[in-house]
Amino acid sequence: MDFPNLNTLEAQLTVGLTPYQMIGIPIAILGAVLMSVSAMLQHRGVSKVDAGIGSDSSGGLGMRQFWRLLRRPSWVFGTLLIGIAIVCQLGALMFAPLVVVQPIGVVSLIVTTLITARQTRHRLSKRKIIAVLMSVLGIAGFVLVAATVVTDARVTERQVITVLVIAVIAVALTGIAFVILRHRRGRNLFYIIAGGVLYGFVATFAKVILARLQTDGIDTYTVLCAAGLLLTLLVGGYFVQTAYATGTTEMVIAGLTVVDPIVAVTIGIVVLGEVAGATAITYLLFILFGALAVCGVFLLESSQTDEEIRAARRHALGVSTNQIETREQ
């Protein structure tokens, strides 16, 4: 007897999250919380180093600042927490697809915004609340849509090469933009976006490595992806640390938790084919939710006042306003 619909039925059953894949969601949430705490600690370390040398790193971290950061306990501990957060993210990716795991990092934005408001004793403005809600709802909608159409597929050599080429181009372009924009107004937003873009490749390379290990083991492509992961992690980390010198922790986290997943998910959709069964309506929803999240980041950036940035810096340094103003002069 012939069963012509068995293959179709099997394909339908593999679309959407399975109970096994859902295990990755709480792991990703834990990683997001750790990322929030680590960002606050690193912001404190960068602020104290800048105050200690009587200048700032807004034009880019130099070797002098970097060596001083290595002697700051708060920065070192924050870096260790980032390592643990990355391990959580890798663990989540072992269970769930990239398009589901990566956007969950927006939990960091909620945690960071609430803690920052409490630490600086600034009430959340309506504009800032709207900005956060836009980012959270945009990413949440993105995840819900992705969860209904996501599929797991083998990562081919051609796909690996495509990701590597795109990553090299991204690193080159951010490097050129850094040289041009490092001393211009609005550079903080550039640092945040650049860090988010490159961190998106970190997650992508991690997912590709895990997928290749399960199907092909360690080969040349796996090694190349590991090199790509290290490169984008280091360059992206440099931009993130520089962003701490000119902005608040919540602004940095906002950029990372929105730009990072949008980049990673876009690659997952376009290159890796993780939502191969998606319809035109699905792609339209992806665009709408993604645009909503990005608009939230820009609204949050525009809602940051100079006083809030100074308050965040004062809290990081643990000194009075007069001391801060004296040092900045």
Protein backbone atom coordinates (compact mmCIF):
# COMPACT_ATOMS: atom_id res chain seq x y z
CA MET A 1 0.00 0.00 0.00
CA ASP A 2 1.25 3.47 -0.92
CA PHE A 3 1.19 6.32 1.59
CA PRO A 4 1.74 9.47 -0.47
CA ASN A 5 1.13 11.88 2.40
CA LEU A 6 3.56 10.40 4.94
CA ASN A 7 6.45 12.66 3.97
CA THR A 8 4.22 15.72 4.11
CA LEU A 9 2.93 14.71 7.54
CA GLU A 10 6.47 14.16 8.82
CA ALA A 11 7.54 17.60 7.56
CA GLN A 12 4.59 19.21 9.29
CA LEU A 13 5.47 17.53 12.57
CA THR A 14 9.02 18.89 12.49
CA VAL A 15 7.88 22.48 12.01
CA GLY A 16 7.60 24.53 15.21
CA LEU A 17 9.24 24.03 18.60
CA THR A 18 9.30 20.55 20.10
CA PRO A 19 9.32 19.95 23.89
CA TYR A 20 13.03 19.10 23.60
CA GLN A 21 13.79 22.39 21.85
CA MET A 22 11.84 24.37 24.46
CA ILE A 23 14.46 23.36 27.05
CA GLY A 24 16.70 25.97 25.46
CA ILE A 25 14.36 28.84 26.39
CA PRO A 26 14.96 28.94 30.21
CA ILE A 27 18.69 28.47 29.61
CA ALA A 28 18.67 31.46 27.26
CA ILE A 29 16.76 33.54 29.85
CA LEU A 30 19.39 32.74 32.50
CA GLY A 31 22.11 33.83 30.08
CA ALA A 32 20.26 37.09 29.42
CA VAL A 33 20.09 37.93 33.14
CA LEU A 34 23.79 37.20 33.56
CA MET A 35 24.53 39.40 30.56
CA SER A 36 22.70 42.28 32.23
CA VAL A 37 24.68 41.96 35.46
CA SER A 38 27.97 41.62 33.60
CA ALA A 39 27.23 44.78 31.58
CA MET A 40 26.74 46.80 34.74
CA LEU A 41 30.00 45.55 36.21
CA GLN A 42 31.93 46.28 33.04
CA HIS A 43 30.41 49.76 32.80
CA ARG A 44 31.60 50.40 36.34
CA GLY A 45 35.10 49.23 35.45
CA VAL A 46 35.36 51.41 32.34
CA SER A 47 34.03 54.46 34.21
CA LYS A 48 36.57 54.06 37.02
CA VAL A 49 39.46 53.60 34.60
CA ASP A 50 38.45 56.74 32.69
CA ALA A 51 38.14 58.74 35.92
CA GLY A 52 41.48 57.40 37.12
CA ILE A 53 43.39 58.65 34.07
CA GLY A 54 41.42 61.90 33.79
CA SER A 55 40.11 61.22 30.27
CA ASP A 56 37.62 59.00 28.51
CA SER A 57 37.65 56.15 26.01
CA SER A 58 34.95 57.63 23.78
CA GLY A 59 37.37 57.75 20.86
CA GLY A 60 38.31 54.10 21.31
CA LEU A 61 40.04 52.06 23.99
CA GLY A 62 43.83 52.29 24.02
CA MET A 63 46.37 49.90 25.51
CA ARG A 64 46.66 52.14 28.56
CA GLN A 65 42.96 51.79 29.36
CA PHE A 66 42.96 48.09 28.53
CA TRP A 67 45.75 47.21 30.97
CA ARG A 68 44.04 49.24 33.67
CA LEU A 69 40.78 47.39 33.02
CA LEU A 70 42.56 44.09 33.67
CA ARG A 71 43.32 45.37 37.18
CA ARG A 72 39.73 46.39 37.92
CA PRO A 73 37.95 43.58 39.88
CA SER A 74 34.50 44.73 38.75
CA TRP A 75 35.48 44.61 35.07
CA VAL A 76 37.23 41.24 35.39
CA PHE A 77 34.27 39.72 37.25
CA GLY A 78 31.89 41.18 34.67
CA THR A 79 33.96 39.60 31.92
CA LEU A 80 33.79 36.22 33.66
CA LEU A 81 30.01 36.56 33.89
CA ILE A 82 29.89 37.26 30.16
CA GLY A 83 31.77 34.01 29.66
CA ILE A 84 29.15 32.16 31.71
CA ALA A 85 26.36 33.93 29.79
CA ILE A 86 27.92 32.80 26.52
CA VAL A 87 28.09 29.23 27.82
CA CYS A 88 24.37 29.46 28.66
CA GLN A 89 23.70 30.73 25.17
CA LEU A 90 25.66 27.84 23.65
CA GLY A 91 23.74 25.44 25.85
CA ALA A 92 20.47 26.94 24.67
CA LEU A 93 21.57 26.65 21.04
CA MET A 94 22.20 22.93 21.56
CA PHE A 95 18.48 22.54 22.15
CA ALA A 96 16.75 25.29 20.18
CA PRO A 97 17.34 27.01 16.81
CA LEU A 98 19.15 30.32 16.49
CA VAL A 99 16.00 32.24 15.50
CA VAL A 100 14.40 31.36 18.85
CA VAL A 101 17.34 31.56 21.26
CA GLN A 102 18.96 34.81 20.19
CA PRO A 103 15.98 37.19 20.55
CA ILE A 104 15.38 36.04 24.15
CA GLY A 105 18.35 38.22 25.11
CA VAL A 106 15.91 41.15 25.21
CA VAL A 107 15.21 40.04 28.80
CA SER A 108 18.51 41.78 29.60
CA LEU A 109 17.01 45.10 28.54
CA ILE A 110 14.14 44.81 31.03
CA VAL A 111 16.45 43.83 33.89
CA THR A 112 19.02 46.52 33.10
CA THR A 113 16.47 49.31 32.70
CA LEU A 114 14.81 48.58 36.04
CA ILE A 115 18.08 48.24 37.95
CA THR A 116 19.57 51.36 36.36
CA ALA A 117 16.51 53.42 37.30
CA ARG A 118 16.76 52.21 40.88
CA GLN A 119 20.52 52.82 41.13
CA THR A 120 20.43 56.32 39.65
CA ARG A 121 17.18 57.23 41.44
CA HIS A 122 15.62 58.44 38.20
CA ARG A 123 12.00 57.60 37.53
CA LEU A 124 11.35 55.96 34.21
CA SER A 125 9.88 58.51 31.82
CA LYS A 126 6.88 57.60 29.69
CA ARG A 127 9.05 57.90 26.60
CA LYS A 128 11.60 55.46 27.97
CA ILE A 129 8.91 53.00 29.05
CA ILE A 130 7.41 53.15 25.57
CA ALA A 131 10.85 52.61 24.03
CA VAL A 132 11.51 49.52 26.15
CA LEU A 133 8.04 48.13 25.46
CA MET A 134 8.53 48.63 21.73
CA SER A 135 11.82 46.71 21.81
CA VAL A 136 10.46 43.92 24.01
CA LEU A 137 7.20 43.52 22.06
CA GLY A 138 9.06 43.63 18.76
CA ILE A 139 11.49 40.89 19.77
CA ALA A 140 8.75 38.87 21.51
CA GLY A 141 6.65 38.97 18.36
CA PHE A 142 9.69 37.97 16.34
CA VAL A 143 10.24 34.91 18.56
CA LEU A 144 6.59 33.85 18.51
CA VAL A 145 6.45 34.00 14.72
CA ALA A 146 9.76 32.17 14.37
CA ALA A 147 8.69 29.46 16.83
CA THR A 148 5.76 28.50 14.60
CA VAL A 149 7.79 28.00 11.42
CA VAL A 150 11.30 27.13 12.56
CA THR A 151 12.98 23.99 11.19
CA ASP A 152 16.31 22.31 11.83
CA ALA A 153 18.46 21.62 8.79
CA ARG A 154 22.03 20.53 8.11
CA VAL A 155 24.48 23.41 7.63
CA THR A 156 26.25 22.93 4.31
CA GLU A 157 29.77 23.97 3.31
CA ARG A 158 28.33 26.59 0.98
CA GLN A 159 26.33 28.13 3.81
CA VAL A 160 29.43 28.20 6.03
CA ILE A 161 31.44 30.01 3.36
CA THR A 162 28.62 32.51 2.87
CA VAL A 163 28.50 33.31 6.59
CA LEU A 164 32.30 33.68 6.71
CA VAL A 165 32.35 36.09 3.76
CA ILE A 166 29.55 38.22 5.24
CA ALA A 167 31.35 38.31 8.60
CA VAL A 168 34.64 39.47 7.04
CA ILE A 169 32.79 42.21 5.16
CA ALA A 170 31.01 43.29 8.37
CA VAL A 171 34.29 43.50 10.31
CA ALA A 172 35.92 45.49 7.52
CA LEU A 173 33.03 47.94 7.22
CA THR A 174 32.79 48.54 10.98
CA GLY A 175 36.54 49.12 11.07
CA ILE A 176 36.34 51.74 8.32
CA ALA A 177 33.34 53.39 9.97
CA PHE A 178 35.21 53.47 13.30
CA VAL A 179 38.09 55.41 11.78
CA ILE A 180 35.65 57.92 10.25
CA LEU A 181 33.20 58.31 13.16
CA ARG A 182 35.29 57.84 16.31
CA HIS A 183 35.63 61.59 16.96
CA ARG A 184 32.23 62.67 15.69
CA ARG A 185 28.96 63.38 17.47
CA GLY A 186 26.69 60.36 17.86
CA ARG A 187 29.58 57.90 17.93
CA ASN A 188 28.11 56.13 20.97
CA LEU A 189 25.18 54.87 18.89
CA PHE A 190 27.65 53.66 16.27
CA TYR A 191 29.63 51.73 18.90
CA ILE A 192 26.45 50.10 20.14
CA ILE A 193 25.21 49.14 16.67
CA ALA A 194 28.65 47.89 15.60
CA GLY A 195 28.95 45.78 18.74
CA GLY A 196 25.45 44.38 18.22
CA VAL A 197 26.11 43.50 14.58
CA LEU A 198 29.34 41.65 15.36
CA TYR A 199 27.87 39.89 18.41
CA GLY A 200 25.14 38.66 16.08
CA PHE A 201 27.86 36.86 14.11
CA VAL A 202 29.24 35.37 17.33
CA ALA A 203 25.90 33.65 17.97
CA THR A 204 25.66 32.60 14.33
CA PHE A 205 29.12 31.03 14.31
CA ALA A 206 28.34 29.25 17.59
CA LYS A 207 25.19 27.74 16.10
CA VAL A 208 27.01 26.73 12.90
CA ILE A 209 29.81 25.08 14.89
CA LEU A 210 27.35 23.11 17.00
CA ALA A 211 25.40 22.03 13.92
CA ARG A 212 28.56 20.97 12.06
CA LEU A 213 29.87 19.02 15.04
CA GLN A 214 26.66 17.01 15.17
CA THR A 215 26.72 16.11 11.48
CA ASP A 216 30.30 16.40 10.20
CA GLY A 217 32.54 16.51 13.27
CA ILE A 218 35.63 18.71 13.40
CA ASP A 219 36.72 19.71 9.90
CA THR A 220 38.22 22.71 8.11
CA TYR A 221 34.90 24.54 8.07
CA THR A 222 34.44 24.08 11.81
CA VAL A 223 37.90 25.51 12.47
CA LEU A 224 37.21 28.48 10.19
CA CYS A 225 33.97 29.16 12.05
CA ALA A 226 35.82 29.02 15.37
CA ALA A 227 38.28 31.62 14.02
CA GLY A 228 35.37 33.75 12.83
CA LEU A 229 33.70 33.49 16.23
CA LEU A 230 36.89 34.64 17.99
CA LEU A 231 37.42 37.54 15.57
CA THR A 232 33.87 38.90 15.81
CA LEU A 233 33.85 38.40 19.60
CA LEU A 234 37.04 40.42 20.07
CA VAL A 235 36.16 43.25 17.67
CA GLY A 236 32.54 43.39 18.86
CA GLY A 237 33.71 43.37 22.48
CA TYR A 238 36.01 46.30 21.76
CA PHE A 239 33.12 48.39 20.46
CA VAL A 240 30.93 47.44 23.42
CA GLN A 241 33.59 48.41 25.96
CA THR A 242 34.12 51.73 24.17
CA ALA A 243 30.36 52.36 24.23
CA TYR A 244 30.40 52.17 28.03
CA ALA A 245 32.60 55.28 28.08
CA THR A 246 29.99 57.52 26.45
CA GLY A 247 26.59 56.07 27.41
CA THR A 248 24.58 54.17 29.96
CA THR A 249 24.47 50.44 30.54
CA GLU A 250 20.83 50.19 29.52
CA MET A 251 21.54 51.88 26.18
CA VAL A 252 24.35 49.43 25.42
CA ILE A 253 22.18 46.47 26.41
CA ALA A 254 19.29 47.84 24.33
CA GLY A 255 21.46 47.90 21.24
CA LEU A 256 22.89 44.45 21.86
CA THR A 257 19.61 42.74 22.67
CA VAL A 258 17.92 44.14 19.56
CA VAL A 259 20.62 44.52 16.90
CA ASP A 260 22.38 41.27 17.86
CA PRO A 261 19.33 38.98 17.45
CA ILE A 262 18.09 40.76 14.34
CA VAL A 263 21.45 40.17 12.64
CA ALA A 264 21.67 36.56 13.85
CA VAL A 265 18.08 35.75 12.95
CA THR A 266 18.36 37.38 9.54
CA ILE A 267 21.36 35.18 8.77
CA GLY A 268 19.47 32.19 10.14
CA ILE A 269 16.57 32.96 7.82
CA VAL A 270 18.39 34.06 4.66
CA VAL A 271 21.54 31.93 4.75
CA LEU A 272 20.92 28.93 7.01
CA GLY A 273 17.30 28.35 5.98
CA GLU A 274 15.96 27.89 9.50
CA VAL A 275 12.49 29.03 8.44
CA ALA A 276 12.39 27.47 4.98
CA GLY A 277 8.64 26.80 5.29
CA ALA A 278 7.73 30.42 6.03
CA THR A 279 5.10 32.20 3.92
CA ALA A 280 5.09 35.76 2.59
CA ILE A 281 2.93 36.79 5.56
CA THR A 282 5.51 35.31 7.94
CA TYR A 283 8.31 37.34 6.37
CA LEU A 284 6.15 40.46 6.53
CA LEU A 285 5.63 39.87 10.26
CA PHE A 286 9.37 39.42 10.71
CA ILE A 287 9.98 42.80 9.07
CA LEU A 288 7.27 44.58 11.07
CA PHE A 289 8.33 43.18 14.45
CA GLY A 290 11.99 43.78 13.67
CA ALA A 291 11.29 47.39 12.68
CA LEU A 292 9.30 47.90 15.90
CA ALA A 293 12.22 46.63 17.99
CA VAL A 294 14.77 48.81 16.18
CA CYS A 295 12.56 51.91 16.52
CA GLY A 296 12.44 51.19 20.23
CA VAL A 297 16.24 51.35 20.42
CA PHE A 298 16.40 54.69 18.62
CA LEU A 299 13.62 56.07 20.82
CA LEU A 300 15.46 54.90 23.93
CA GLU A 301 18.67 56.54 22.72
CA SER A 302 16.89 59.85 22.09
CA SER A 303 15.24 59.69 25.52
CA GLN A 304 18.58 59.48 27.32
CA THR A 305 19.32 62.83 28.97
CA ASP A 306 22.78 64.14 29.86
CA GLU A 307 21.78 64.08 33.51
CA GLU A 308 20.89 60.38 33.32
CA ILE A 309 24.26 59.61 31.74
CA ARG A 310 26.04 61.61 34.45
CA ALA A 311 23.95 59.90 37.14
CA ALA A 312 24.89 56.47 35.78
CA ARG A 313 28.54 57.50 35.76
CA ARG A 314 28.29 58.84 39.33
CA HIS A 315 26.83 55.57 40.52
CA ALA A 316 29.49 53.56 38.72
CA LEU A 317 32.23 55.63 40.37
CA GLY A 318 30.53 55.87 43.74
CA VAL A 319 31.46 59.55 44.10
CA SER A 320 29.56 62.83 44.31
CA THR A 321 28.47 65.05 41.45
CA ASN A 322 31.06 67.71 42.31
CA GLN A 323 33.87 65.20 42.18
CA ILE A 324 32.73 64.00 38.76
CA GLU A 325 32.49 67.51 37.36
CA THR A 326 35.95 68.37 38.71
CA ARG A 327 37.48 65.33 37.05
CA GLU A 328 35.77 65.96 33.72
CA GLN A 329 37.08 69.53 33.67
